[in-house]
Amino acid sequence: MLKVCFTVCYFHHGNDCAYTAGEHVGGSIENYGVMATQKAHEIGALNTNFANPHRT
């Protein structure tokens, strides 16, 4: 199911799918943003800040 969801998010503007995946991964949208930002900083993207799981 997540593979289909990620495909939709990548090729279409699938905000509903992105939010569902973010809640699944992070437990909440806010926590997903914190987790994604931490990971970005760990890999060297120090000026990156995620607030939500979709591309906008």
C-alpha atoms as a PDB file:
ATOM      1  CA  MET A   1       0.000   0.000   0.000  1.00  0.00           C
ATOM      2  CA  LEU A   2       2.763   2.471   0.831  1.00  0.00           C
ATOM      3  CA  LYS A   3       4.452   1.799  -2.530  1.00  0.00           C
ATOM      4  CA  VAL A   4       1.270   2.836  -4.338  1.00  0.00           C
ATOM      5  CA  CYS A   5       0.942   5.840  -2.060  1.00  0.00           C
ATOM      6  CA  PHE A   6       4.499   7.017  -2.755  1.00  0.00           C
ATOM      7  CA  THR A   7       3.965   6.570  -6.490  1.00  0.00           C
ATOM      8  CA  VAL A   8       0.871   8.776  -6.296  1.00  0.00           C
ATOM      9  CA  CYS A   9       2.785  11.386  -4.281  1.00  0.00           C
ATOM     10  CA  TYR A  10       5.669  11.403  -6.749  1.00  0.00           C
ATOM     11  CA  PHE A  11       3.772  11.553 -10.017  1.00  0.00           C
ATOM     12  CA  HIS A  12       0.690  13.456  -8.884  1.00  0.00           C
ATOM     13  CA  HIS A  13      -0.016  16.048  -6.276  1.00  0.00           C
ATOM     14  CA  GLY A  14      -1.183  13.485  -3.728  1.00  0.00           C
ATOM     15  CA  ASN A  15      -1.405  15.514  -0.523  1.00  0.00           C
ATOM     16  CA  ASP A  16      -3.889  13.111   1.055  1.00  0.00           C
ATOM     17  CA  CYS A  17      -1.521  10.246   0.429  1.00  0.00           C
ATOM     18  CA  ALA A  18       1.481  12.232   1.675  1.00  0.00           C
ATOM     19  CA  TYR A  19      -0.318  13.150   4.879  1.00  0.00           C
ATOM     20  CA  THR A  20      -1.348   9.541   5.450  1.00  0.00           C
ATOM     21  CA  ALA A  21       2.228   8.350   4.933  1.00  0.00           C
ATOM     22  CA  GLY A  22       3.565  11.124   7.198  1.00  0.00           C
ATOM     23  CA  GLU A  23       1.173  10.191   9.975  1.00  0.00           C
ATOM     24  CA  HIS A  24       2.085   6.531   9.559  1.00  0.00           C
ATOM     25  CA  VAL A  25       5.827   7.174   9.699  1.00  0.00           C
ATOM     26  CA  GLY A  26       5.886   9.922  12.320  1.00  0.00           C
ATOM     27  CA  GLY A  27       2.762   9.292  14.330  1.00  0.00           C
ATOM     28  CA  SER A  28       1.583  12.823  13.486  1.00  0.00           C
ATOM     29  CA  ILE A  29       2.238  15.414  10.797  1.00  0.00           C
ATOM     30  CA  GLU A  30       4.156  17.608  13.233  1.00  0.00           C
ATOM     31  CA  ASN A  31       6.358  14.745  14.421  1.00  0.00           C
ATOM     32  CA  TYR A  32       7.029  13.700  10.832  1.00  0.00           C
ATOM     33  CA  GLY A  33       8.325  17.214  10.132  1.00  0.00           C
ATOM     34  CA  VAL A  34      10.630  17.051  13.144  1.00  0.00           C
ATOM     35  CA  MET A  35      11.893  13.585  12.162  1.00  0.00           C
ATOM     36  CA  ALA A  36      12.465  14.548   8.518  1.00  0.00           C
ATOM     37  CA  THR A  37      14.291  17.736   9.522  1.00  0.00           C
ATOM     38  CA  GLN A  38      16.518  15.812  11.942  1.00  0.00           C
ATOM     39  CA  LYS A  39      17.379  13.274   9.242  1.00  0.00           C
ATOM     40  CA  ALA A  40      18.153  16.031   6.740  1.00  0.00           C
ATOM     41  CA  HIS A  41      20.515  17.652   9.246  1.00  0.00           C
ATOM     42  CA  GLU A  42      22.191  14.301   9.962  1.00  0.00           C
ATOM     43  CA  ILE A  43      23.042  13.869   6.291  1.00  0.00           C
ATOM     44  CA  GLY A  44      24.359  17.410   5.941  1.00  0.00           C
ATOM     45  CA  ALA A  45      21.354  19.430   4.713  1.00  0.00           C
ATOM     46  CA  LEU A  46      21.675  21.929   7.543  1.00  0.00           C
ATOM     47  CA  ASN A  47      19.501  24.652   5.982  1.00  0.00           C
ATOM     48  CA  THR A  48      16.557  22.313   5.440  1.00  0.00           C
ATOM     49  CA  ASN A  49      13.349  22.412   7.465  1.00  0.00           C
ATOM     50  CA  PHE A  50      10.331  20.167   6.893  1.00  0.00           C
ATOM     51  CA  ALA A  51       6.924  21.248   8.142  1.00  0.00           C
ATOM     52  CA  ASN A  52       4.855  18.583   6.360  1.00  0.00           C
ATOM     53  CA  PRO A  53       5.288  15.469   4.201  1.00  0.00           C
ATOM     54  CA  HIS A  54       4.241  16.910   0.837  1.00  0.00           C
ATOM     55  CA  ARG A  55       6.224  18.914  -1.693  1.00  0.00           C
ATOM     56  CA  THR A  56       4.797  22.350  -1.031  1.00  0.00           C
END
